[in-house]
Amino acid sequence: MPPQPSYVNGGDDGAYGYDSGYNTGQVYGSPGGGGHGGGPGDYDHGPRPAPNWRRRIKWTAITVVTVLVVTTVGTYFWADSKLNREVDLSKVIDRPEQGDGTNYLIVGSDSRAGMSAEEKKKLHTGSAEGKRTDSMMILHTGSNGDTLISLPRDSDVEIPTFVGSESGKTYKGTGRHVKLNAAYAEDGPELLVRTVEFNTGLRIDHYVEIGFAGFANIVDAVGGVEIDIPKGGMKDTKSGADFPAGKQTLNGEQSLAFVRTRYALKGSDLDRTKNQQKFLNALANQVATPGTILNPFKLYPTMGAGLDSLVVDKDMGLYDLGKMFWAMKGVNGGDGTSMNMPISGSANGNLVWDKAKVKQLVEELKNDEKVTVSGE
């Protein structure tokens, strides 16, 4: 028989000699071991280094911050480019002195610009030429609470001397009195601002206007607005309002009918302004929910619908617009004062302002003091 290999130390290293290294405590591929390639030790390069979590977290944070900054800056310029800065308040003459705080004139117009015949029929807007104001409000923001004052469109006001926004011609005041919304119909936003300033003595810092279609689009973009219709329901064939009593979610078409309705409220312009304030409260609360703000698929359509629809003054910025929005939300949520312009009676079908109360109200607003005057 051929000689057998020895498996112990000191065995023959000849052709049949083999030393496993086991009895020396060595393993394949380790120093002093007998293996030479092909053994599992050839792939053992020692333990892996521990991951550098601090470095990973750092670069992840940098990436996230970079994406947020780029998105925020991009959104800002996108939104800013959508503002229609068409109103030039520098054309308004003989303006009151600047007071403390900021005053916005917020206007809902019956503009049908860009609407098809089908849309006009659907939204019950009619096809009247030109533009009028369906609602007007002064929003004062300051350090002593914000105040939202509705100006009934039937308010009796005097048209003062003014410079035509297009012609540049001076039209002398004759002392004639008209409904407030007639000022807008006669020469647009600049004359409306001039008339409001002349009749109140309060300087308007910014102007914001939205038309019928834009209003409806904003409501649809947020998925509708929940409103509690009072007992007895609401029906007005002229505005298209037809709602049973109780809580319900109104779409854009229905919301427009709700804020425009007048004859369902016994024809009262004062009751309609209360309805408009009630709706703005509900709309602001709907927009300012996490479900809208944190959802880009809802936020961007809402912003797009709103910004595309707004007409503002040339000095209006996104910061001013945001400040106005949050102030309106706060006021309608009970954090400020919401009221109608004080009324003392009527003349020739127009609502006459209470001059003493209006004077006191304007002084408090000018001095950015807490408003103590009340209106119906």
Protein backbone atom coordinates (compact mmCIF):
# COMPACT_ATOMS: atom_id res chain seq x y z
CA MET A 1 0.00 0.00 0.00
CA PRO A 2 1.15 3.52 -0.72
CA PRO A 3 2.13 5.59 2.31
CA GLN A 4 -0.74 7.63 3.89
CA PRO A 5 -0.43 11.36 4.50
CA SER A 6 0.30 12.51 7.99
CA TYR A 7 -2.12 14.97 9.58
CA VAL A 8 -0.10 15.79 12.67
CA ASN A 9 2.57 18.37 13.39
CA GLY A 10 5.96 17.34 12.26
CA GLY A 11 4.50 15.12 9.57
CA ASP A 12 6.24 14.71 6.25
CA ASP A 13 6.07 17.86 4.09
CA GLY A 14 6.70 15.74 1.07
CA ALA A 15 4.33 14.97 -1.72
CA TYR A 16 1.78 13.55 0.66
CA GLY A 17 2.43 15.75 3.67
CA TYR A 18 -0.44 18.06 4.76
CA ASP A 19 -0.78 20.41 7.72
CA SER A 20 -4.30 21.66 8.26
CA GLY A 21 -3.24 24.28 10.78
CA TYR A 22 -6.18 23.42 12.98
CA ASN A 23 -4.07 22.22 15.87
CA THR A 24 -2.11 25.49 15.88
CA GLY A 25 -5.24 27.61 16.16
CA GLN A 26 -4.70 29.06 12.66
CA VAL A 27 -7.32 29.44 9.97
CA TYR A 28 -7.05 29.52 6.26
CA GLY A 29 -5.39 32.58 4.90
CA SER A 30 -4.28 33.84 8.33
CA PRO A 31 -0.66 34.58 9.10
CA GLY A 32 1.23 31.37 9.65
CA GLY A 33 -1.60 29.33 8.17
CA GLY A 34 -0.95 26.66 5.61
CA GLY A 35 -3.62 27.70 3.03
CA HIS A 36 -2.44 29.31 -0.19
CA GLY A 37 -5.38 30.60 -2.22
CA GLY A 38 -8.80 29.21 -2.86
CA GLY A 39 -9.70 29.04 0.85
CA PRO A 40 -12.39 31.17 2.44
CA GLY A 41 -9.76 33.27 4.22
CA ASP A 42 -8.73 34.78 0.88
CA TYR A 43 -12.01 36.87 0.96
CA ASP A 44 -11.85 37.98 4.58
CA HIS A 45 -10.52 41.53 4.76
CA GLY A 46 -11.51 42.17 8.32
CA PRO A 47 -14.74 43.81 9.72
CA ARG A 48 -16.57 46.51 7.69
CA PRO A 49 -16.24 50.06 8.95
CA ALA A 50 -19.35 51.36 10.74
CA PRO A 51 -21.50 53.72 8.59
CA ASN A 52 -20.93 57.42 9.25
CA TRP A 53 -24.46 58.36 10.26
CA ARG A 54 -23.52 61.92 11.13
CA ARG A 55 -22.27 62.49 7.59
CA ARG A 56 -25.33 60.86 6.06
CA ILE A 57 -27.71 62.94 8.17
CA LYS A 58 -25.80 66.10 7.29
CA TRP A 59 -26.05 65.56 3.53
CA THR A 60 -29.68 64.48 3.74
CA ALA A 61 -30.50 67.68 5.64
CA ILE A 62 -28.60 69.81 3.12
CA THR A 63 -30.49 68.15 0.25
CA VAL A 64 -33.88 68.65 1.89
CA VAL A 65 -33.17 72.30 2.73
CA THR A 66 -31.93 72.97 -0.81
CA VAL A 67 -35.08 71.46 -2.32
CA LEU A 68 -37.29 73.50 0.04
CA VAL A 69 -35.46 76.75 -0.74
CA VAL A 70 -35.60 76.18 -4.50
CA THR A 71 -39.30 75.24 -4.31
CA THR A 72 -40.14 78.24 -2.11
CA VAL A 73 -38.28 80.72 -4.30
CA GLY A 74 -39.78 79.20 -7.44
CA THR A 75 -43.27 79.34 -5.97
CA TYR A 76 -42.80 82.97 -4.93
CA PHE A 77 -41.78 84.13 -8.40
CA TRP A 78 -44.51 81.99 -9.99
CA ALA A 79 -47.16 83.49 -7.72
CA ASP A 80 -45.80 87.03 -8.03
CA SER A 81 -45.94 86.83 -11.83
CA LYS A 82 -49.65 86.00 -11.68
CA LEU A 83 -50.71 89.19 -9.89
CA ASN A 84 -52.55 91.62 -12.17
CA ARG A 85 -51.17 94.97 -11.02
CA GLU A 86 -53.50 97.19 -13.04
CA VAL A 87 -54.66 99.86 -10.59
CA ASP A 88 -52.56 103.02 -10.33
CA LEU A 89 -53.32 104.80 -7.06
CA SER A 90 -50.92 107.60 -8.02
CA LYS A 91 -53.75 108.89 -10.27
CA VAL A 92 -55.92 109.52 -7.19
CA ILE A 93 -55.77 113.20 -6.24
CA ASP A 94 -56.18 115.16 -2.96
CA ARG A 95 -55.56 112.15 -0.77
CA PRO A 96 -55.94 112.09 3.04
CA GLU A 97 -52.81 111.91 5.18
CA GLN A 98 -51.29 108.54 5.91
CA GLY A 99 -52.37 107.09 9.25
CA ASP A 100 -51.06 104.22 11.34
CA GLY A 101 -51.69 100.67 10.19
CA THR A 102 -52.68 99.58 6.67
CA ASN A 103 -56.02 100.02 4.90
CA TYR A 104 -57.15 97.73 2.07
CA LEU A 105 -60.18 98.39 -0.14
CA ILE A 106 -61.48 94.93 -1.11
CA VAL A 107 -63.93 94.83 -3.99
CA GLY A 108 -66.06 92.09 -5.49
CA SER A 109 -67.02 93.20 -9.00
CA ASP A 110 -69.59 91.84 -11.42
CA SER A 111 -66.93 91.64 -14.11
CA ARG A 112 -67.78 89.07 -16.75
CA ALA A 113 -64.46 89.41 -18.55
CA GLY A 114 -63.41 86.19 -20.27
CA MET A 115 -66.70 84.41 -19.49
CA SER A 116 -68.51 82.51 -22.22
CA ALA A 117 -72.25 82.79 -22.78
CA GLU A 118 -72.63 79.34 -21.21
CA GLU A 119 -70.68 80.40 -18.08
CA LYS A 120 -72.76 83.58 -17.74
CA LYS A 121 -75.92 81.50 -17.89
CA LYS A 122 -74.59 78.93 -15.44
CA LEU A 123 -73.51 81.55 -12.89
CA HIS A 124 -76.67 83.68 -13.36
CA THR A 125 -74.59 86.79 -14.06
CA GLY A 126 -76.55 88.16 -16.99
CA SER A 127 -74.78 89.93 -19.83
CA ALA A 128 -74.72 93.54 -18.67
CA GLU A 129 -71.99 95.65 -20.22
CA GLY A 130 -69.30 97.33 -18.12
CA LYS A 131 -68.49 96.55 -14.50
CA ARG A 132 -70.06 97.38 -11.18
CA THR A 133 -69.20 96.50 -7.62
CA ASP A 134 -71.28 93.87 -5.89
CA SER A 135 -69.44 94.20 -2.58
CA MET A 136 -66.94 96.60 -1.01
CA MET A 137 -65.06 96.35 2.26
CA ILE A 138 -62.36 98.28 4.06
CA LEU A 139 -59.93 96.09 5.98
CA HIS A 140 -57.72 97.86 8.53
CA THR A 141 -54.73 95.94 9.89
CA GLY A 142 -52.79 97.28 12.86
CA SER A 143 -51.33 96.65 16.28
CA ASN A 144 -54.64 97.08 18.16
CA GLY A 145 -56.67 94.48 16.33
CA ASP A 146 -57.90 94.25 12.74
CA THR A 147 -61.22 95.68 11.56
CA LEU A 148 -63.35 94.72 8.55
CA ILE A 149 -65.98 97.28 7.53
CA SER A 150 -68.56 96.48 4.85
CA LEU A 151 -69.60 99.40 2.66
CA PRO A 152 -73.14 98.81 1.33
CA ARG A 153 -73.18 99.39 -2.42
CA ASP A 154 -76.33 101.52 -1.95
CA SER A 155 -74.43 103.94 0.31
CA ASP A 156 -75.16 107.58 -0.45
CA VAL A 157 -71.88 109.32 -1.41
CA GLU A 158 -70.73 112.49 -3.14
CA ILE A 159 -68.63 112.26 -6.28
CA PRO A 160 -65.69 114.67 -5.78
CA THR A 161 -63.39 116.35 -8.29
CA PHE A 162 -61.25 113.66 -9.91
CA VAL A 163 -58.83 113.00 -12.75
CA GLY A 164 -59.99 110.49 -15.36
CA SER A 165 -57.97 107.27 -15.14
CA GLU A 166 -57.74 106.98 -18.94
CA SER A 167 -58.23 110.51 -20.26
CA GLY A 168 -56.18 112.35 -17.62
CA LYS A 169 -58.84 115.08 -17.76
CA THR A 170 -59.99 116.78 -14.56
CA TYR A 171 -63.70 116.48 -13.80
CA LYS A 172 -64.90 119.06 -11.32
CA GLY A 173 -67.12 117.93 -8.49
CA THR A 174 -70.66 119.32 -8.62
CA GLY A 175 -71.91 117.99 -5.30
CA ARG A 176 -73.96 115.25 -6.96
CA HIS A 177 -74.83 112.25 -4.84
CA VAL A 178 -74.97 108.68 -6.14
CA LYS A 179 -74.86 105.12 -4.88
CA LEU A 180 -71.31 104.09 -4.01
CA ASN A 181 -71.11 101.42 -6.70
CA ALA A 182 -71.85 104.07 -9.35
CA ALA A 183 -68.40 105.58 -8.76
CA TYR A 184 -66.76 102.36 -9.93
CA ALA A 185 -69.09 102.10 -12.93
CA GLU A 186 -68.26 105.69 -13.93
CA ASP A 187 -64.44 105.55 -13.97
CA GLY A 188 -63.23 102.32 -12.39
CA PRO A 189 -61.09 101.57 -9.33
CA GLU A 190 -59.27 104.91 -9.18
CA LEU A 191 -62.52 106.90 -8.89
CA LEU A 192 -63.90 104.39 -6.38
CA VAL A 193 -60.82 104.89 -4.18
CA ARG A 194 -61.06 108.67 -4.61
CA THR A 195 -64.76 108.60 -3.64
CA VAL A 196 -64.21 106.38 -0.57
CA GLU A 197 -61.32 108.57 0.62
CA PHE A 198 -63.28 111.80 0.04
CA ASN A 199 -66.38 110.59 1.89
CA THR A 200 -64.55 108.97 4.80
CA GLY A 201 -61.27 110.90 5.18
CA LEU A 202 -59.43 107.56 5.42
CA ARG A 203 -56.46 106.89 3.13
CA ILE A 204 -56.57 103.61 1.19
CA ASP A 205 -53.15 101.94 0.95
CA HIS A 206 -53.99 98.96 -1.24
CA TYR A 207 -56.73 97.90 -3.64
CA VAL A 208 -57.85 94.29 -4.31
CA GLU A 209 -60.62 93.21 -6.70
CA ILE A 210 -62.03 89.87 -7.79
CA GLY A 211 -64.66 89.13 -10.45
CA PHE A 212 -67.49 86.61 -10.67
CA ALA A 213 -65.61 83.82 -12.46
CA GLY A 214 -62.52 84.12 -10.28
CA PHE A 215 -64.59 83.88 -7.11
CA ALA A 216 -66.32 80.71 -8.28
CA ASN A 217 -63.01 79.17 -9.39
CA ILE A 218 -61.40 79.69 -5.97
CA VAL A 219 -64.29 77.97 -4.21
CA ASP A 220 -64.15 75.02 -6.59
CA ALA A 221 -60.35 74.78 -6.18
CA VAL A 222 -60.68 74.24 -2.41
CA GLY A 223 -63.42 71.68 -2.88
CA GLY A 224 -66.36 73.85 -1.84
CA VAL A 225 -67.25 75.77 1.32
CA GLU A 226 -69.56 74.63 4.12
CA ILE A 227 -72.29 77.13 5.04
CA ASP A 228 -75.14 76.89 7.52
CA ILE A 229 -78.28 78.19 5.79
CA PRO A 230 -80.73 79.69 8.31
CA LYS A 231 -84.20 78.34 9.02
CA GLY A 232 -86.57 78.75 6.12
CA GLY A 233 -83.88 78.25 3.49
CA MET A 234 -82.90 80.72 0.79
CA LYS A 235 -84.37 81.19 -2.68
CA ASP A 236 -83.62 83.98 -5.15
CA THR A 237 -84.27 83.44 -8.86
CA LYS A 238 -82.16 86.44 -9.85
CA SER A 239 -78.95 85.27 -8.18
CA GLY A 240 -79.72 81.57 -8.61
CA ALA A 241 -79.76 80.88 -4.87
CA ASP A 242 -81.94 77.91 -3.96
CA PHE A 243 -80.83 76.31 -0.69
CA PRO A 244 -82.71 74.37 2.00
CA ALA A 245 -82.03 75.17 5.63
CA GLY A 246 -79.10 73.53 7.37
CA LYS A 247 -75.39 72.87 6.85
CA GLN A 248 -74.29 72.14 3.30
CA THR A 249 -71.22 72.44 1.09
CA LEU A 250 -71.59 74.99 -1.69
CA ASN A 251 -69.63 74.77 -4.93
CA GLY A 252 -68.41 77.82 -6.84
CA GLU A 253 -71.67 78.44 -8.66
CA GLN A 254 -73.75 78.10 -5.50
CA SER A 255 -71.34 80.23 -3.45
CA LEU A 256 -71.59 83.08 -5.94
CA ALA A 257 -75.38 82.89 -5.73
CA PHE A 258 -75.17 82.93 -1.92
CA VAL A 259 -73.04 86.09 -1.65
CA ARG A 260 -75.00 87.91 -4.37
CA THR A 261 -78.49 87.09 -3.13
CA ARG A 262 -80.51 90.07 -2.07
CA TYR A 263 -84.17 89.35 -2.63
CA ALA A 264 -84.04 86.25 -0.43
CA LEU A 265 -83.16 88.70 2.35
CA LYS A 266 -86.09 91.08 1.85
CA GLY A 267 -83.98 93.20 -0.49
CA SER A 268 -81.70 94.40 2.29
CA ASP A 269 -78.20 95.46 1.26
CA LEU A 270 -77.13 95.41 4.92
CA ASP A 271 -78.21 91.79 5.33
CA ARG A 272 -76.33 90.89 2.18
CA THR A 273 -73.08 92.40 3.51
CA LYS A 274 -73.49 90.25 6.64
CA ASN A 275 -73.87 87.18 4.42
CA GLN A 276 -70.73 88.15 2.52
CA GLN A 277 -68.73 88.45 5.73
CA LYS A 278 -70.12 85.10 6.91
CA PHE A 279 -69.02 83.46 3.67
CA LEU A 280 -65.55 85.02 3.74
CA ASN A 281 -65.08 83.58 7.21
CA ALA A 282 -65.98 80.09 5.99
CA LEU A 283 -63.82 80.40 2.86
CA ALA A 284 -60.77 81.67 4.77
CA ASN A 285 -61.05 78.82 7.27
CA GLN A 286 -61.35 76.30 4.44
CA VAL A 287 -58.27 77.61 2.61
CA ALA A 288 -56.14 77.85 5.75
CA THR A 289 -56.48 74.19 6.69
CA PRO A 290 -53.49 71.79 6.65
CA GLY A 291 -55.40 69.77 4.05
CA THR A 292 -55.05 72.68 1.63
CA ILE A 293 -51.75 74.28 2.62
CA LEU A 294 -49.77 71.04 2.93
CA ASN A 295 -51.25 69.42 -0.17
CA PRO A 296 -49.53 70.76 -3.31
CA PHE A 297 -52.23 69.18 -5.50
CA LYS A 298 -54.75 71.43 -3.75
CA LEU A 299 -52.61 74.44 -2.81
CA TYR A 300 -51.29 75.25 -6.29
CA PRO A 301 -54.69 75.10 -8.04
CA THR A 302 -56.14 77.29 -5.27
CA MET A 303 -53.33 79.81 -5.52
CA GLY A 304 -53.51 79.74 -9.30
CA ALA A 305 -57.28 80.32 -9.35
CA GLY A 306 -57.03 83.13 -6.81
CA LEU A 307 -54.02 84.99 -8.19
CA ASP A 308 -55.20 84.76 -11.79
CA SER A 309 -58.48 86.34 -10.74
CA LEU A 310 -57.21 89.23 -8.64
CA VAL A 311 -56.71 92.81 -9.80
CA VAL A 312 -54.50 94.79 -7.42
CA ASP A 313 -52.69 98.12 -7.23
CA LYS A 314 -49.20 98.55 -8.67
CA ASP A 315 -47.55 98.60 -5.23
CA MET A 316 -49.19 95.41 -3.98
CA GLY A 317 -46.81 92.57 -3.16
CA LEU A 318 -47.35 88.96 -2.13
CA TYR A 319 -46.46 89.87 1.45
CA ASP A 320 -49.21 92.52 1.49
CA LEU A 321 -51.66 90.05 0.00
CA GLY A 322 -50.77 87.39 2.56
CA LYS A 323 -51.08 89.89 5.39
CA MET A 324 -54.52 90.89 4.13
CA PHE A 325 -55.67 87.28 3.87
CA TRP A 326 -54.60 86.30 7.39
CA ALA A 327 -56.13 89.47 8.82
CA MET A 328 -59.46 88.67 7.15
CA LYS A 329 -59.30 85.13 8.49
CA GLY A 330 -58.59 86.42 11.99
CA VAL A 331 -61.34 89.04 11.91
CA ASN A 332 -63.98 86.67 10.62
CA GLY A 333 -62.78 84.09 13.16
CA GLY A 334 -63.53 86.46 16.03
CA ASP A 335 -60.04 87.89 16.63
CA GLY A 336 -60.97 91.38 15.42
CA THR A 337 -63.96 93.60 14.65
CA SER A 338 -66.41 92.95 11.81
CA MET A 339 -69.11 95.51 11.10
CA ASN A 340 -71.15 97.49 8.59
CA MET A 341 -70.52 101.17 8.02
CA PRO A 342 -72.76 103.00 10.57
CA ILE A 343 -76.06 104.03 8.95
CA SER A 344 -78.39 106.79 10.15
CA GLY A 345 -81.20 106.41 7.62
CA SER A 346 -81.96 106.63 3.92
CA ALA A 347 -82.53 109.27 1.23
CA ASN A 348 -83.91 108.68 -2.26
CA GLY A 349 -83.35 104.95 -1.86
CA ASN A 350 -79.71 105.39 -0.76
CA LEU A 351 -78.33 104.45 2.66
CA VAL A 352 -77.05 107.51 4.51
CA TRP A 353 -74.00 107.09 6.73
CA ASP A 354 -74.07 108.30 10.33
CA LYS A 355 -71.57 111.18 9.99
CA ALA A 356 -70.70 111.43 13.69
CA LYS A 357 -70.02 107.70 14.03
CA VAL A 358 -68.11 107.56 10.75
CA LYS A 359 -65.90 110.43 11.88
CA GLN A 360 -65.14 108.69 15.18
CA LEU A 361 -64.51 105.37 13.40
CA VAL A 362 -62.08 106.94 10.94
CA GLU A 363 -60.16 108.71 13.72
CA GLU A 364 -59.78 105.44 15.61
CA LEU A 365 -58.54 103.70 12.47
CA LYS A 366 -56.13 106.52 11.60
CA ASN A 367 -54.60 106.35 15.07
CA ASP A 368 -54.65 102.55 15.01
CA GLU A 369 -56.77 102.51 18.16
CA LYS A 370 -59.22 99.84 19.25
CA VAL A 371 -62.52 100.44 17.42
CA THR A 372 -65.38 101.33 19.76
CA VAL A 373 -67.93 102.36 17.12
CA SER A 374 -70.52 99.79 16.08
CA GLY A 375 -72.52 99.43 12.88
CA GLU A 376 -75.63 97.41 12.11
